[in-house]
Protein backbone atom coordinates (compact mmCIF):
# COMPACT_ATOMS: atom_id res chain seq x y z
CA MET A 1 -20.60 -27.56 4.40
CA LEU A 2 -16.89 -28.22 4.64
CA ILE A 3 -14.60 -25.64 6.05
CA PRO A 4 -11.84 -24.66 3.63
CA ILE A 5 -8.32 -25.73 4.72
CA ASN A 6 -5.37 -23.98 3.32
CA VAL A 7 -2.38 -26.28 3.05
CA VAL A 8 1.04 -24.57 2.58
CA THR A 9 3.75 -27.00 1.64
CA ASN A 10 7.36 -26.96 0.33
CA HIS A 11 6.64 -30.29 -1.52
CA LYS A 12 5.91 -29.27 -5.08
CA ASN A 13 4.56 -32.71 -6.04
CA LEU A 14 1.50 -32.19 -3.63
CA LYS A 15 0.32 -29.22 -5.75
CA TYR A 16 -0.10 -31.49 -8.75
CA PHE A 17 -1.43 -34.58 -6.86
CA CYS A 18 -4.99 -33.84 -7.53
CA THR A 19 -4.49 -33.48 -11.28
CA ILE A 20 -2.67 -36.79 -11.94
CA LYS A 21 -4.82 -39.10 -14.08
CA VAL A 22 -3.09 -42.45 -13.29
CA LEU A 23 -2.45 -43.21 -9.62
CA THR A 24 -0.76 -46.06 -7.84
CA TYR A 25 -2.75 -47.97 -5.29
CA GLN A 26 -1.35 -45.94 -2.38
CA GLN A 27 -1.97 -42.70 -4.18
CA ALA A 28 -5.53 -43.61 -4.89
CA HIS A 29 -6.06 -44.46 -1.29
CA TRP A 30 -4.76 -41.11 -0.09
CA SER A 31 -6.65 -39.28 -2.87
CA GLU A 32 -9.84 -40.88 -1.67
CA LEU A 33 -9.16 -40.03 1.88
CA LEU A 34 -8.20 -36.43 1.21
CA SER A 35 -11.29 -35.85 -1.01
CA GLN A 36 -13.36 -35.80 2.19
CA PHE A 37 -11.74 -32.44 3.01
CA ASN A 38 -11.95 -29.11 1.36
CA LEU A 39 -8.21 -28.65 0.87
CA PHE A 40 -6.48 -25.91 -0.97
CA ILE A 41 -2.88 -26.85 -1.61
CA ARG A 42 -0.40 -24.10 -2.11
CA PHE A 43 3.32 -24.54 -2.85
CA HIS A 44 5.86 -22.36 -1.03
CA PRO A 45 9.56 -23.07 -1.84
CA GLY A 46 11.47 -23.99 1.23
CA LYS A 47 14.33 -21.75 0.42
CA LEU A 48 11.96 -18.87 0.74
CA SER A 49 10.83 -19.80 4.23
CA THR A 50 12.08 -17.77 7.08
CA LYS A 51 10.54 -19.43 10.32
CA PRO A 52 9.57 -22.94 11.11
CA ASP A 53 5.85 -23.64 11.52
CA ALA A 54 4.52 -23.10 14.96
CA LEU A 55 2.63 -26.32 15.48
CA THR A 56 5.78 -28.69 15.13
CA ARG A 57 7.84 -26.39 17.29
CA HIS A 58 5.27 -25.84 20.09
CA TRP A 59 6.24 -27.74 23.13
CA ASP A 60 2.69 -28.45 24.55
CA VAL A 61 1.29 -30.38 21.64
CA TYR A 62 3.53 -33.47 22.33
CA PRO A 63 2.62 -36.06 25.03
CA LYS A 64 4.84 -35.78 28.19
CA GLY A 65 7.00 -38.78 29.22
CA GLU A 66 6.50 -40.63 25.79
CA ASN A 67 8.26 -40.07 22.54
CA THR A 68 5.55 -41.30 20.21
CA GLY A 69 6.42 -38.98 17.37
CA TYR A 70 2.82 -37.83 17.06
CA ALA A 71 1.44 -34.35 17.81
CA LEU A 72 -1.72 -34.16 19.83
CA VAL A 73 -4.42 -31.65 19.38
CA ASN A 74 -4.84 -29.02 22.16
CA SER A 75 -8.38 -27.65 22.26
CA HIS A 76 -7.08 -24.27 23.45
CA ASN A 77 -5.21 -23.91 20.16
CA PHE A 78 -8.49 -23.78 18.25
C-alpha cells in the first residue's frame, strides 16, 4: 500500500502532466518514475504564497562544509 503524497506546487504545468497523451522521451521517463508513487499534485499560484516552504529554508538539512546543492533527509524530521 502506497502512502499518499500531497505535492503543492506553483508550476501549473505539473498539474496537467499526468493527463498529457503524447510525451517526449524525458517526460515519459519522469512519468514512469513518478508512477511508482501515490502523488496528488495540487496547483497553488505563487502570488498567493505568503511564506517559503520550511524544508528548503531549514538550515540543518544541508551538509556542513560542502555546497552540493542537495538537501539531506534528517530522520528526526519524520
